[in-house]
């Protein structure tokens, strides 16, 4: 590619980034967390669908032994997956701390794990591995957040919120298991 075209492409991307930062800085209704969410959504969707690493993650999640026999370094992919997960958990913690403007030692406890697992399963990620999409997990998170927000608006106690969220999670796991069983018996999967 000729150098002037590369320079022009870099200039356009830089101007778009500067324009986006300017708009977000003017308090015009675009929170910075929304920009980060969009960035991570696009990045991880690309990684999961268009890279070898994304295919390897799905392969190891679906059947580690088959992936190993196919020549995939299963332990390395698992370590990279855990590193990526830890990085995202750290980013989430920093964002939560910046939004709350304080940090507590028990800030990560409570319903966060239950909500995260529920969001992934409701979004269609199988607990048995090998399936799921980034956008579906985001939609699952929106469903869980809507249910929790609705329960908060109704003034329900924390115990009832846990029970309802747990019930939704059990229902999603049951539907996933039944769908997996029906696919297996019909010979689809």
N, C-alpha and C. Protein backbone atom coordinates (compact mmCIF):
# COMPACT_ATOMS: atom_id res chain seq x y z
N UNK A 1 0.84 -1.17 0.00
CA UNK A 1 0.00 0.00 0.00
C UNK A 1 0.89 1.24 0.00
N UNK A 2 0.58 2.21 -0.86
CA UNK A 2 1.40 3.43 -0.91
C UNK A 2 1.35 4.20 0.42
N UNK A 3 2.44 4.85 0.74
CA UNK A 3 2.58 5.56 2.01
C UNK A 3 1.55 6.67 2.20
N UNK A 4 1.22 7.47 1.17
CA UNK A 4 0.20 8.52 1.38
C UNK A 4 -1.17 7.94 1.76
N UNK A 5 -1.52 6.79 1.22
CA UNK A 5 -2.82 6.18 1.56
C UNK A 5 -2.81 5.70 3.00
N UNK A 6 -1.70 5.09 3.43
CA UNK A 6 -1.59 4.64 4.82
C UNK A 6 -1.67 5.84 5.76
N UNK A 7 -0.97 6.92 5.42
CA UNK A 7 -1.01 8.13 6.24
C UNK A 7 -2.42 8.68 6.31
N UNK A 8 -3.14 8.70 5.20
CA UNK A 8 -4.51 9.19 5.17
C UNK A 8 -5.42 8.32 6.04
N UNK A 9 -5.25 7.00 5.99
CA UNK A 9 -6.05 6.11 6.82
C UNK A 9 -5.79 6.37 8.30
N UNK A 10 -4.53 6.52 8.67
CA UNK A 10 -4.19 6.80 10.06
C UNK A 10 -4.78 8.14 10.49
N UNK A 11 -4.72 9.13 9.62
CA UNK A 11 -5.27 10.44 9.93
C UNK A 11 -6.78 10.37 10.14
N UNK A 12 -7.47 9.62 9.30
CA UNK A 12 -8.93 9.50 9.44
C UNK A 12 -9.28 8.82 10.76
N UNK A 13 -8.59 7.74 11.10
CA UNK A 13 -8.85 7.05 12.36
C UNK A 13 -8.56 7.97 13.54
N UNK A 14 -7.45 8.72 13.48
CA UNK A 14 -7.11 9.64 14.56
C UNK A 14 -8.17 10.72 14.71
N UNK A 15 -8.66 11.26 13.61
CA UNK A 15 -9.71 12.29 13.67
C UNK A 15 -11.00 11.72 14.24
N UNK A 16 -11.34 10.49 13.88
CA UNK A 16 -12.54 9.86 14.44
C UNK A 16 -12.39 9.66 15.95
N UNK A 17 -11.23 9.23 16.38
CA UNK A 17 -11.01 9.04 17.82
C UNK A 17 -11.07 10.38 18.55
N UNK A 18 -10.42 11.39 18.01
CA UNK A 18 -10.44 12.72 18.64
C UNK A 18 -11.87 13.26 18.67
N UNK A 19 -12.61 13.09 17.58
CA UNK A 19 -14.01 13.53 17.56
C UNK A 19 -14.86 12.79 18.58
N UNK A 20 -14.64 11.48 18.70
CA UNK A 20 -15.38 10.70 19.69
C UNK A 20 -15.07 11.13 21.11
N UNK A 21 -13.80 11.38 21.39
CA UNK A 21 -13.41 11.85 22.72
C UNK A 21 -14.02 13.22 22.99
N UNK A 22 -14.04 14.09 22.00
CA UNK A 22 -14.62 15.42 22.17
C UNK A 22 -16.11 15.32 22.49
N UNK A 23 -16.84 14.50 21.75
CA UNK A 23 -18.28 14.35 21.98
C UNK A 23 -18.54 13.78 23.36
N UNK A 24 -17.77 12.77 23.76
CA UNK A 24 -17.97 12.16 25.08
C UNK A 24 -17.60 13.14 26.19
N UNK A 25 -16.68 14.05 25.93
CA UNK A 25 -16.23 14.99 26.94
C UNK A 25 -17.22 16.14 27.13
N UNK A 26 -18.15 16.33 26.22
CA UNK A 26 -19.08 17.45 26.29
C UNK A 26 -20.36 17.13 27.04
N UNK A 27 -20.46 15.96 27.68
CA UNK A 27 -21.66 15.55 28.42
C UNK A 27 -22.91 15.62 27.55
N UNK A 28 -22.82 15.02 26.38
CA UNK A 28 -23.95 15.02 25.46
C UNK A 28 -24.70 13.70 25.48
N UNK A 29 -24.60 12.97 26.55
CA UNK A 29 -25.38 11.75 26.68
C UNK A 29 -24.67 10.48 26.26
N UNK A 30 -23.39 10.55 25.94
CA UNK A 30 -22.65 9.35 25.57
C UNK A 30 -21.66 9.06 26.69
N UNK A 31 -22.00 8.16 27.61
CA UNK A 31 -21.07 7.89 28.70
C UNK A 31 -19.84 7.14 28.20
N UNK A 32 -18.74 7.35 28.89
CA UNK A 32 -17.49 6.71 28.49
C UNK A 32 -17.59 5.20 28.60
N UNK A 33 -18.38 4.72 29.55
CA UNK A 33 -18.56 3.27 29.69
C UNK A 33 -19.23 2.69 28.44
N UNK A 34 -20.13 3.44 27.83
CA UNK A 34 -20.75 2.99 26.59
C UNK A 34 -19.74 2.88 25.46
N UNK A 35 -18.80 3.81 25.42
CA UNK A 35 -17.74 3.75 24.41
C UNK A 35 -16.86 2.52 24.65
N UNK A 36 -16.49 2.29 25.92
CA UNK A 36 -15.68 1.11 26.24
C UNK A 36 -16.43 -0.18 25.91
N UNK A 37 -17.72 -0.22 26.23
CA UNK A 37 -18.52 -1.41 25.93
C UNK A 37 -18.54 -1.67 24.44
N UNK A 38 -18.75 -0.64 23.65
CA UNK A 38 -18.76 -0.80 22.20
C UNK A 38 -17.40 -1.27 21.69
N UNK A 39 -16.33 -0.69 22.21
CA UNK A 39 -14.99 -1.09 21.79
C UNK A 39 -14.74 -2.56 22.11
N UNK A 40 -15.03 -2.98 23.34
CA UNK A 40 -14.79 -4.37 23.72
C UNK A 40 -15.71 -5.32 22.96
N UNK A 41 -16.95 -4.90 22.71
CA UNK A 41 -17.89 -5.74 21.97
C UNK A 41 -17.38 -5.98 20.55
N UNK A 42 -16.97 -4.93 19.88
CA UNK A 42 -16.46 -5.08 18.51
C UNK A 42 -15.17 -5.89 18.50
N UNK A 43 -14.27 -5.59 19.43
CA UNK A 43 -12.98 -6.29 19.47
C UNK A 43 -13.16 -7.78 19.72
N UNK A 44 -13.94 -8.13 20.73
CA UNK A 44 -14.07 -9.55 21.07
C UNK A 44 -14.94 -10.31 20.08
N UNK A 45 -15.89 -9.62 19.45
CA UNK A 45 -16.64 -10.28 18.38
C UNK A 45 -15.72 -10.60 17.22
N UNK A 46 -14.85 -9.67 16.87
CA UNK A 46 -13.87 -9.92 15.81
C UNK A 46 -12.94 -11.07 16.19
N UNK A 47 -12.42 -11.03 17.41
CA UNK A 47 -11.50 -12.09 17.85
C UNK A 47 -12.18 -13.45 17.83
N UNK A 48 -13.42 -13.51 18.32
CA UNK A 48 -14.11 -14.80 18.41
C UNK A 48 -14.51 -15.35 17.05
N UNK A 49 -14.80 -14.49 16.10
CA UNK A 49 -15.32 -14.98 14.82
C UNK A 49 -14.30 -15.00 13.70
N UNK A 50 -13.25 -14.20 13.81
CA UNK A 50 -12.37 -14.04 12.65
C UNK A 50 -10.91 -14.38 12.89
N UNK A 51 -10.58 -14.91 14.04
CA UNK A 51 -9.18 -15.24 14.29
C UNK A 51 -9.03 -16.71 14.67
N UNK A 52 -7.83 -17.19 14.51
CA UNK A 52 -7.52 -18.56 14.87
C UNK A 52 -7.69 -18.76 16.39
N UNK A 53 -7.29 -17.75 17.16
CA UNK A 53 -7.42 -17.84 18.61
C UNK A 53 -8.88 -18.03 19.02
N UNK A 54 -9.80 -17.31 18.38
CA UNK A 54 -11.22 -17.45 18.69
C UNK A 54 -11.72 -18.85 18.37
N UNK A 55 -11.31 -19.39 17.23
CA UNK A 55 -11.71 -20.76 16.89
C UNK A 55 -11.13 -21.76 17.88
N UNK A 56 -9.91 -21.52 18.31
CA UNK A 56 -9.28 -22.41 19.29
C UNK A 56 -10.01 -22.36 20.63
N UNK A 57 -10.44 -21.18 21.03
CA UNK A 57 -11.19 -21.05 22.29
C UNK A 57 -12.46 -21.89 22.22
N UNK A 58 -13.21 -21.77 21.12
CA UNK A 58 -14.42 -22.57 20.96
C UNK A 58 -14.10 -24.06 20.92
N UNK A 59 -13.03 -24.43 20.26
CA UNK A 59 -12.66 -25.84 20.15
C UNK A 59 -12.30 -26.42 21.51
N UNK A 60 -11.50 -25.70 22.27
CA UNK A 60 -11.11 -26.18 23.60
C UNK A 60 -12.32 -26.21 24.53
N UNK A 61 -13.19 -25.23 24.41
CA UNK A 61 -14.39 -25.21 25.24
C UNK A 61 -15.36 -26.32 24.89
N UNK A 62 -15.42 -26.68 23.62
CA UNK A 62 -16.34 -27.73 23.20
C UNK A 62 -15.86 -29.12 23.55
N UNK A 63 -14.60 -29.42 23.26
CA UNK A 63 -14.05 -30.75 23.55
C UNK A 63 -12.53 -30.62 23.58
N UNK A 64 -11.99 -30.56 24.78
CA UNK A 64 -10.55 -30.33 24.94
C UNK A 64 -9.73 -31.48 24.35
N UNK A 65 -10.20 -32.70 24.50
CA UNK A 65 -9.45 -33.85 23.98
C UNK A 65 -9.41 -33.83 22.46
N UNK A 66 -10.54 -33.53 21.83
CA UNK A 66 -10.57 -33.44 20.37
C UNK A 66 -9.68 -32.29 19.89
N UNK A 67 -9.69 -31.17 20.61
CA UNK A 67 -8.83 -30.05 20.24
C UNK A 67 -7.37 -30.43 20.37
N UNK A 68 -7.01 -31.16 21.42
CA UNK A 68 -5.62 -31.60 21.59
C UNK A 68 -5.21 -32.50 20.45
N UNK A 69 -6.10 -33.41 20.06
CA UNK A 69 -5.78 -34.32 18.96
C UNK A 69 -5.71 -33.61 17.62
N UNK A 70 -6.37 -32.46 17.53
CA UNK A 70 -6.31 -31.68 16.29
C UNK A 70 -5.06 -30.81 16.23
N UNK A 71 -4.23 -30.87 17.26
CA UNK A 71 -2.98 -30.13 17.24
C UNK A 71 -3.01 -28.79 17.94
N UNK A 72 -4.05 -28.53 18.69
CA UNK A 72 -4.17 -27.26 19.41
C UNK A 72 -3.49 -27.42 20.77
N UNK A 73 -2.69 -26.45 21.15
CA UNK A 73 -2.04 -26.46 22.46
C UNK A 73 -3.08 -26.06 23.51
N UNK A 74 -3.78 -27.05 24.04
CA UNK A 74 -4.93 -26.81 24.91
C UNK A 74 -4.54 -26.02 26.15
N UNK A 75 -3.45 -26.40 26.81
CA UNK A 75 -3.06 -25.69 28.03
C UNK A 75 -2.72 -24.23 27.75
N UNK A 76 -2.06 -23.97 26.64
CA UNK A 76 -1.72 -22.59 26.29
C UNK A 76 -2.99 -21.77 26.02
N UNK A 77 -3.94 -22.36 25.29
CA UNK A 77 -5.19 -21.65 25.00
C UNK A 77 -5.96 -21.39 26.29
N UNK A 78 -5.98 -22.36 27.20
CA UNK A 78 -6.65 -22.16 28.49
C UNK A 78 -6.00 -21.03 29.28
N UNK A 79 -4.67 -21.02 29.30
CA UNK A 79 -3.97 -19.96 30.03
C UNK A 79 -4.27 -18.60 29.41
N UNK A 80 -4.23 -18.51 28.09
CA UNK A 80 -4.56 -17.24 27.43
C UNK A 80 -6.01 -16.84 27.72
N UNK A 81 -6.90 -17.81 27.72
CA UNK A 81 -8.30 -17.52 28.03
C UNK A 81 -8.47 -16.99 29.45
N UNK A 82 -7.78 -17.61 30.40
CA UNK A 82 -7.85 -17.13 31.78
C UNK A 82 -7.20 -15.76 31.93
N UNK A 83 -6.11 -15.53 31.19
CA UNK A 83 -5.47 -14.21 31.24
C UNK A 83 -6.41 -13.14 30.69
N UNK A 84 -7.08 -13.44 29.60
CA UNK A 84 -8.02 -12.50 29.00
C UNK A 84 -9.19 -12.25 29.95
N UNK A 85 -9.68 -13.31 30.57
CA UNK A 85 -10.77 -13.18 31.53
C UNK A 85 -10.35 -12.33 32.73
N UNK A 86 -9.14 -12.55 33.22
CA UNK A 86 -8.63 -11.76 34.35
C UNK A 86 -8.47 -10.30 33.97
N UNK A 87 -7.99 -10.05 32.76
CA UNK A 87 -7.85 -8.67 32.29
C UNK A 87 -9.21 -7.98 32.26
N UNK A 88 -10.22 -8.67 31.73
CA UNK A 88 -11.55 -8.08 31.65
C UNK A 88 -12.16 -7.89 33.03
N UNK A 89 -11.90 -8.82 33.96
CA UNK A 89 -12.38 -8.65 35.33
C UNK A 89 -11.73 -7.43 35.97
N UNK A 90 -10.44 -7.23 35.72
CA UNK A 90 -9.75 -6.05 36.23
C UNK A 90 -10.33 -4.77 35.65
N UNK A 91 -10.59 -4.77 34.34
CA UNK A 91 -11.22 -3.60 33.71
C UNK A 91 -12.59 -3.33 34.32
N UNK A 92 -13.35 -4.40 34.54
CA UNK A 92 -14.67 -4.24 35.15
C UNK A 92 -14.58 -3.68 36.56
N UNK A 93 -13.60 -4.15 37.33
CA UNK A 93 -13.41 -3.63 38.68
C UNK A 93 -13.03 -2.17 38.68
N UNK A 94 -12.16 -1.78 37.77
CA UNK A 94 -11.76 -0.37 37.68
C UNK A 94 -12.95 0.49 37.28
N UNK A 95 -13.75 0.03 36.33
CA UNK A 95 -14.93 0.79 35.91
C UNK A 95 -15.93 0.90 37.04
N UNK A 96 -16.16 -0.21 37.77
CA UNK A 96 -17.10 -0.18 38.90
C UNK A 96 -16.61 0.78 39.98
N UNK A 97 -15.32 0.72 40.30
CA UNK A 97 -14.77 1.61 41.32
C UNK A 97 -14.86 3.07 40.89
N UNK A 98 -14.64 3.34 39.61
CA UNK A 98 -14.71 4.73 39.15
C UNK A 98 -16.15 5.24 39.13
N UNK A 99 -17.10 4.37 38.88
CA UNK A 99 -18.50 4.80 38.88
C UNK A 99 -19.03 4.99 40.29
N UNK A 100 -18.58 4.13 41.23
CA UNK A 100 -19.02 4.26 42.62
C UNK A 100 -18.21 5.32 43.37
N UNK A 101 -17.06 5.68 42.83
CA UNK A 101 -16.13 6.64 43.44
C UNK A 101 -15.66 6.18 44.81
N UNK A 102 -15.67 4.88 45.00
CA UNK A 102 -15.14 4.30 46.23
C UNK A 102 -14.91 2.82 45.98
N UNK A 103 -14.14 2.22 46.89
CA UNK A 103 -13.86 0.79 46.77
C UNK A 103 -14.05 0.17 48.14
N UNK A 104 -14.70 -0.98 48.15
CA UNK A 104 -14.89 -1.73 49.38
C UNK A 104 -14.28 -3.11 49.19
N UNK A 105 -13.88 -3.74 50.28
CA UNK A 105 -13.26 -5.06 50.16
C UNK A 105 -14.24 -6.11 49.69
N UNK A 106 -15.52 -5.90 49.90
CA UNK A 106 -16.52 -6.88 49.46
C UNK A 106 -17.27 -6.41 48.22
N UNK A 107 -16.70 -5.48 47.47
CA UNK A 107 -17.38 -4.93 46.30
C UNK A 107 -17.61 -5.97 45.21
N UNK A 108 -16.74 -6.96 45.10
CA UNK A 108 -16.88 -7.96 44.05
C UNK A 108 -17.73 -9.15 44.46
N UNK A 109 -18.16 -9.18 45.69
CA UNK A 109 -18.94 -10.32 46.16
C UNK A 109 -20.42 -10.14 45.91
N UNK A 110 -21.19 -10.94 46.58
CA UNK A 110 -22.63 -10.81 46.46
C UNK A 110 -23.17 -11.43 45.20
N UNK A 111 -23.97 -10.65 44.50
CA UNK A 111 -24.71 -11.18 43.36
C UNK A 111 -23.98 -11.03 42.04
N UNK A 112 -22.76 -10.49 42.03
CA UNK A 112 -22.09 -10.26 40.75
C UNK A 112 -21.81 -11.56 40.01
N UNK A 113 -21.32 -12.58 40.73
CA UNK A 113 -21.04 -13.85 40.05
C UNK A 113 -22.32 -14.47 39.51
N UNK A 114 -23.37 -14.46 40.34
CA UNK A 114 -24.65 -15.02 39.92
C UNK A 114 -25.20 -14.27 38.71
N UNK A 115 -25.08 -12.95 38.74
CA UNK A 115 -25.58 -12.15 37.61
C UNK A 115 -24.78 -12.41 36.34
N UNK A 116 -23.46 -12.54 36.48
CA UNK A 116 -22.61 -12.76 35.30
C UNK A 116 -22.90 -14.12 34.68
N UNK A 117 -23.00 -15.15 35.50
CA UNK A 117 -23.29 -16.49 34.97
C UNK A 117 -24.68 -16.52 34.36
N UNK A 118 -25.64 -15.90 35.04
CA UNK A 118 -27.01 -15.85 34.51
C UNK A 118 -27.05 -15.14 33.17
N UNK A 119 -26.33 -14.03 33.05
CA UNK A 119 -26.32 -13.28 31.80
C UNK A 119 -25.75 -14.11 30.66
N UNK A 120 -24.66 -14.82 30.92
CA UNK A 120 -24.06 -15.63 29.87
C UNK A 120 -24.98 -16.77 29.45
N UNK A 121 -25.58 -17.45 30.43
CA UNK A 121 -26.43 -18.60 30.10
C UNK A 121 -27.72 -18.15 29.43
N UNK A 122 -28.32 -17.07 29.92
CA UNK A 122 -29.54 -16.55 29.29
C UNK A 122 -29.23 -16.09 27.87
N UNK A 123 -28.03 -15.58 27.65
CA UNK A 123 -27.62 -15.15 26.32
C UNK A 123 -27.36 -16.29 25.36
N UNK A 124 -27.34 -17.52 25.85
CA UNK A 124 -27.18 -18.66 24.95
C UNK A 124 -25.85 -19.36 25.06
N UNK A 125 -24.97 -18.92 25.95
CA UNK A 125 -23.70 -19.61 26.15
C UNK A 125 -23.97 -20.90 26.90
N UNK A 126 -23.51 -22.00 26.36
CA UNK A 126 -23.77 -23.30 26.98
C UNK A 126 -22.80 -23.53 28.13
N UNK A 127 -23.32 -24.01 29.24
CA UNK A 127 -22.45 -24.39 30.36
C UNK A 127 -21.65 -25.64 30.03
N UNK A 128 -22.03 -26.33 28.97
CA UNK A 128 -21.33 -27.54 28.57
C UNK A 128 -20.20 -27.22 27.59
N UNK A 129 -20.06 -25.95 27.19
CA UNK A 129 -18.93 -25.51 26.38
C UNK A 129 -19.17 -25.54 24.89
N UNK A 130 -18.32 -24.79 24.18
CA UNK A 130 -18.29 -24.85 22.73
C UNK A 130 -19.28 -23.99 21.99
N UNK A 131 -20.13 -23.26 22.68
CA UNK A 131 -21.10 -22.43 21.96
C UNK A 131 -21.30 -21.12 22.71
N UNK A 132 -21.76 -20.12 21.99
CA UNK A 132 -22.01 -18.82 22.57
C UNK A 132 -21.45 -17.73 21.68
N UNK A 133 -22.01 -16.54 21.82
CA UNK A 133 -21.55 -15.38 21.06
C UNK A 133 -21.44 -14.20 22.00
N UNK A 134 -20.61 -13.25 21.64
CA UNK A 134 -20.39 -12.08 22.48
C UNK A 134 -21.67 -11.24 22.55
N UNK A 135 -22.31 -11.02 21.43
CA UNK A 135 -23.53 -10.21 21.39
C UNK A 135 -24.64 -10.88 22.19
N UNK A 136 -24.73 -12.20 22.13
CA UNK A 136 -25.75 -12.91 22.89
C UNK A 136 -25.53 -12.76 24.39
N UNK A 137 -24.28 -12.80 24.82
CA UNK A 137 -23.98 -12.60 26.24
C UNK A 137 -24.37 -11.18 26.66
N UNK A 138 -24.15 -10.21 25.80
CA UNK A 138 -24.56 -8.84 26.10
C UNK A 138 -26.07 -8.74 26.23
N UNK A 139 -26.80 -9.39 25.32
CA UNK A 139 -28.26 -9.39 25.42
C UNK A 139 -28.73 -10.07 26.69
N UNK A 140 -28.06 -11.16 27.07
CA UNK A 140 -28.37 -11.82 28.34
C UNK A 140 -28.13 -10.90 29.52
N UNK A 141 -27.05 -10.12 29.46
CA UNK A 141 -26.76 -9.16 30.54
C UNK A 141 -27.84 -8.09 30.61
N UNK A 142 -28.34 -7.66 29.46
CA UNK A 142 -29.43 -6.68 29.45
C UNK A 142 -30.70 -7.25 30.07
N UNK A 143 -30.98 -8.52 29.79
CA UNK A 143 -32.16 -9.17 30.39
C UNK A 143 -32.00 -9.25 31.90
N UNK A 144 -30.85 -9.72 32.37
CA UNK A 144 -30.62 -9.84 33.81
C UNK A 144 -30.68 -8.47 34.48
N UNK A 145 -30.07 -7.45 33.86
CA UNK A 145 -30.11 -6.11 34.43
C UNK A 145 -31.54 -5.57 34.47
N UNK A 146 -32.33 -5.87 33.45
CA UNK A 146 -33.73 -5.42 33.44
C UNK A 146 -34.53 -6.09 34.55
N UNK A 147 -34.31 -7.40 34.73
CA UNK A 147 -35.02 -8.11 35.80
C UNK A 147 -34.61 -7.56 37.17
N UNK A 148 -33.31 -7.37 37.38
CA UNK A 148 -32.84 -6.84 38.67
C UNK A 148 -33.32 -5.41 38.89
N UNK A 149 -33.34 -4.60 37.84
CA UNK A 149 -33.84 -3.23 37.97
C UNK A 149 -35.33 -3.24 38.31
N UNK A 150 -36.08 -4.11 37.64
CA UNK A 150 -37.51 -4.21 37.94
C UNK A 150 -37.77 -4.63 39.37
N UNK A 151 -36.98 -5.59 39.86
CA UNK A 151 -37.15 -6.01 41.25
C UNK A 151 -36.77 -4.89 42.21
N UNK A 152 -35.76 -4.10 41.85
CA UNK A 152 -35.39 -2.96 42.68
C UNK A 152 -36.48 -1.91 42.71
N UNK A 153 -37.12 -1.67 41.57
CA UNK A 153 -38.21 -0.70 41.51
C UNK A 153 -39.42 -1.17 42.30
N UNK A 154 -39.61 -2.49 42.37
CA UNK A 154 -40.71 -3.04 43.17
C UNK A 154 -40.40 -3.04 44.66
N UNK A 155 -39.15 -2.77 45.01
CA UNK A 155 -38.77 -2.71 46.41
C UNK A 155 -38.60 -4.07 47.06
N UNK A 156 -38.25 -5.07 46.27
CA UNK A 156 -38.08 -6.41 46.82
C UNK A 156 -36.78 -6.50 47.62
N UNK A 157 -36.76 -7.37 48.60
CA UNK A 157 -35.57 -7.53 49.43
C UNK A 157 -34.47 -8.25 48.66
N UNK A 158 -33.25 -8.18 49.20
CA UNK A 158 -32.11 -8.80 48.53
C UNK A 158 -32.27 -10.31 48.45
N UNK A 159 -32.85 -10.92 49.47
CA UNK A 159 -33.06 -12.37 49.45
C UNK A 159 -33.97 -12.80 48.32
N UNK A 160 -35.04 -12.07 48.11
CA UNK A 160 -35.97 -12.41 47.03
C UNK A 160 -35.30 -12.19 45.68
N UNK A 161 -34.46 -11.16 45.57
CA UNK A 161 -33.73 -10.93 44.31
C UNK A 161 -32.82 -12.10 43.99
N UNK A 162 -32.12 -12.63 45.02
CA UNK A 162 -31.26 -13.80 44.81
C UNK A 162 -32.07 -15.00 44.35
N UNK A 163 -33.22 -15.21 44.98
CA UNK A 163 -34.05 -16.37 44.63
C UNK A 163 -34.55 -16.24 43.19
N UNK A 164 -35.03 -15.07 42.81
CA UNK A 164 -35.54 -14.88 41.45
C UNK A 164 -34.42 -15.03 40.42
N UNK A 165 -33.27 -14.43 40.69
CA UNK A 165 -32.14 -14.55 39.76
C UNK A 165 -31.68 -16.00 39.67
N UNK A 166 -31.62 -16.69 40.79
CA UNK A 166 -31.26 -18.12 40.79
C UNK A 166 -32.27 -18.95 40.02
N UNK A 167 -33.56 -18.64 40.19
CA UNK A 167 -34.59 -19.37 39.46
C UNK A 167 -34.45 -19.16 37.96
N UNK A 168 -34.18 -17.92 37.55
CA UNK A 168 -33.98 -17.63 36.13
C UNK A 168 -32.77 -18.39 35.60
N UNK A 169 -31.69 -18.47 36.40
CA UNK A 169 -30.50 -19.21 36.00
C UNK A 169 -30.80 -20.70 35.87
N UNK A 170 -31.50 -21.27 36.85
CA UNK A 170 -31.84 -22.70 36.79
C UNK A 170 -32.72 -22.97 35.58
N UNK A 171 -33.66 -22.10 35.30
CA UNK A 171 -34.53 -22.26 34.14
C UNK A 171 -33.72 -22.21 32.84
N UNK A 172 -32.76 -21.28 32.75
CA UNK A 172 -31.92 -21.19 31.55
C UNK A 172 -31.05 -22.43 31.38
N UNK A 173 -30.49 -22.95 32.48
CA UNK A 173 -29.67 -24.16 32.41
C UNK A 173 -30.53 -25.35 32.00
N UNK A 174 -31.74 -25.43 32.53
CA UNK A 174 -32.65 -26.52 32.18
C UNK A 174 -33.00 -26.47 30.69
N UNK A 175 -33.31 -25.30 30.18
CA UNK A 175 -33.61 -25.16 28.75
C UNK A 175 -32.40 -25.54 27.92
N UNK A 176 -31.19 -25.12 28.35
CA UNK A 176 -29.97 -25.47 27.62
C UNK A 176 -29.75 -26.97 27.61
N UNK A 177 -29.93 -27.62 28.76
CA UNK A 177 -29.73 -29.07 28.84
C UNK A 177 -30.76 -29.81 27.99
N UNK A 178 -32.01 -29.37 28.02
CA UNK A 178 -33.04 -30.04 27.21
C UNK A 178 -32.79 -29.84 25.72
N UNK A 179 -32.37 -28.64 25.34
CA UNK A 179 -32.06 -28.39 23.93
C UNK A 179 -30.88 -29.23 23.48
N UNK A 180 -29.88 -29.36 24.35
CA UNK A 180 -28.71 -30.18 24.01
C UNK A 180 -29.10 -31.64 23.88
N UNK A 181 -29.95 -32.11 24.77
CA UNK A 181 -30.40 -33.50 24.72
C UNK A 181 -31.21 -33.77 23.46
N UNK A 182 -32.10 -32.83 23.09
CA UNK A 182 -32.92 -33.05 21.89
C UNK A 182 -32.06 -33.01 20.62
N UNK A 183 -31.04 -32.13 20.60
CA UNK A 183 -30.14 -32.11 19.45
C UNK A 183 -29.35 -33.40 19.35
N UNK A 184 -28.92 -33.91 20.49
CA UNK A 184 -28.14 -35.14 20.50
C UNK A 184 -29.00 -36.33 20.06
N UNK A 185 -30.25 -36.39 20.52
CA UNK A 185 -31.10 -37.53 20.16
C UNK A 185 -31.54 -37.47 18.69
N UNK A 186 -31.62 -36.26 18.14
CA UNK A 186 -32.00 -36.15 16.73
C UNK A 186 -30.79 -36.24 15.80
N UNK A 187 -29.59 -36.29 16.37
CA UNK A 187 -28.39 -36.46 15.57
C UNK A 187 -27.82 -35.17 15.03
N UNK A 188 -28.32 -34.02 15.48
CA UNK A 188 -27.82 -32.73 15.00
C UNK A 188 -26.46 -32.42 15.62
N UNK A 189 -26.32 -32.67 16.92
CA UNK A 189 -25.05 -32.34 17.58
C UNK A 189 -24.51 -33.53 18.32
